Protein backbone atom coordinates (compact mmCIF):
# COMPACT_ATOMS: atom_id res chain seq x y z
CA MET A 1 155.49 2.61 -127.52
CA THR A 2 151.96 1.20 -127.58
CA HIS A 3 151.20 -2.45 -126.75
CA VAL A 4 148.08 -3.61 -128.59
CA GLU A 5 146.07 -6.76 -127.85
CA ALA A 6 143.09 -7.95 -129.90
CA LEU A 7 140.26 -8.84 -127.52
CA GLU A 8 137.42 -9.65 -129.92
CA VAL A 9 136.97 -9.78 -133.68
CA LEU A 10 133.77 -7.96 -134.67
CA ARG A 11 131.93 -7.23 -137.92
CA GLY A 12 134.24 -4.78 -139.69
CA ALA A 13 136.32 -3.96 -136.60
CA THR A 14 138.27 -5.42 -133.70
CA LEU A 15 137.94 -4.59 -130.00
CA LEU A 16 141.43 -3.77 -128.72
CA SER A 17 143.23 -3.22 -125.47
CA CYS A 18 146.12 -0.76 -125.62
CA ARG A 19 148.79 -0.22 -122.98
CA LEU A 20 151.03 2.79 -123.32
CA GLU A 21 154.61 3.03 -122.09
CA THR A 22 154.65 6.73 -122.85
CA GLY A 23 151.84 9.23 -122.79
CA ARG A 24 152.07 11.29 -125.96
CA THR A 25 149.04 13.22 -127.22
CA ASN A 26 146.97 11.15 -129.69
CA GLN A 27 149.49 8.29 -129.45
CA ILE A 28 146.96 5.46 -129.80
CA ARG A 29 145.16 7.19 -132.67
CA ILE A 30 148.39 7.80 -134.60
CA HIS A 31 149.99 4.40 -133.98
CA LEU A 32 146.87 2.46 -135.03
CA SER A 33 146.22 4.67 -138.05
CA GLU A 34 149.82 4.35 -139.27
CA ALA A 35 149.46 0.57 -138.96
CA GLY A 36 146.41 0.76 -141.27
CA HIS A 37 143.83 0.30 -138.50
CA PRO A 38 142.22 3.65 -137.64
CA LEU A 39 139.83 3.85 -134.69
CA LEU A 40 136.08 3.85 -135.30
CA GLY A 41 134.95 7.44 -135.65
CA GLU A 42 138.43 8.65 -136.61
CA THR A 43 138.32 11.72 -138.85
CA ILE A 44 141.81 13.21 -138.51
CA TYR A 45 144.42 10.42 -138.64
CA MET A 46 143.19 8.43 -141.66
CA ARG A 47 146.48 8.36 -143.66
CA ASP A 48 145.46 6.77 -146.96
CA TYR A 49 142.98 4.35 -145.37
CA SER A 50 140.88 2.79 -148.13
CA GLY A 51 138.94 0.20 -146.13
CA GLN A 52 135.24 0.34 -145.42
CA ALA A 53 134.30 2.78 -142.67
CA VAL A 54 132.17 1.57 -139.76
CA GLU A 55 129.67 4.16 -138.52
CA ALA A 56 130.30 5.56 -135.04
CA PRO A 57 128.80 8.59 -133.30
CA ARG A 58 132.23 9.78 -132.15
CA LEU A 59 135.80 8.58 -131.76
CA MET A 60 135.53 5.16 -130.09
CA LEU A 61 138.39 5.50 -127.62
CA HIS A 62 138.03 5.05 -123.87
CA ALA A 63 140.51 4.93 -120.99
CA GLU A 64 139.09 2.11 -118.88
CA GLN A 65 142.05 2.23 -116.52
CA LEU A 66 144.49 5.01 -115.79
CA GLY A 67 147.32 4.96 -113.30
CA PHE A 68 150.31 7.10 -112.53
CA ILE A 69 152.56 8.33 -109.75
CA HIS A 70 151.05 11.50 -108.33
CA PRO A 71 153.59 14.30 -108.81
CA GLY A 72 152.69 16.01 -105.52
CA THR A 73 152.49 13.03 -103.16
CA GLY A 74 154.68 10.49 -104.94
CA LYS A 75 151.96 7.88 -104.36
CA ALA A 76 150.57 5.57 -107.03
CA VAL A 77 147.00 6.46 -108.00
CA HIS A 78 144.62 4.37 -110.09
CA PHE A 79 141.29 5.17 -111.73
CA SER A 80 138.86 2.81 -113.45
CA GLU A 81 135.75 3.67 -115.47
CA PRO A 82 133.42 1.31 -117.39
CA MET A 83 132.80 1.67 -121.10
CA PRO A 84 130.36 4.54 -121.87
CA ASP A 85 126.85 3.69 -123.05
CA ASP A 86 127.39 4.94 -126.61
CA MET A 87 130.44 2.71 -127.00
CA THR A 88 128.58 -0.24 -125.49
CA ARG A 89 125.82 0.22 -128.08
CA VAL A 90 128.31 0.38 -130.98
CA LEU A 91 130.09 -2.72 -129.66
CA ALA A 92 126.79 -4.63 -129.34
CA SER A 93 125.81 -3.68 -132.90
CA LEU A 94 129.10 -5.07 -134.22
CA GLN A 95 128.77 -8.29 -132.21
CA SER A 96 125.31 -9.12 -133.52
CA PRO A 97 124.76 -10.95 -136.82
CA SER A 98 124.44 -8.68 -139.84
């Protein structure tokens, strides 16, 4: 299960926040693509998408926060990382007027 929240409507795209209840490989990519909303830079999971593609230098997917119970210690661990520069530039280009 993937919980998706729209954070900001952009030119030709939407900035999303996704929270996973499970951790399956490529889960976000597959769930969004099957809903007709592939990620920017997606080349594999396009499933009959006929909308206009927005240019991106790579797959625009970033784990800003990651947390889990450490299997060795049993303690909760949490990691946080800001959006990478290339994603920040793509986001800024989609926020600006065309």
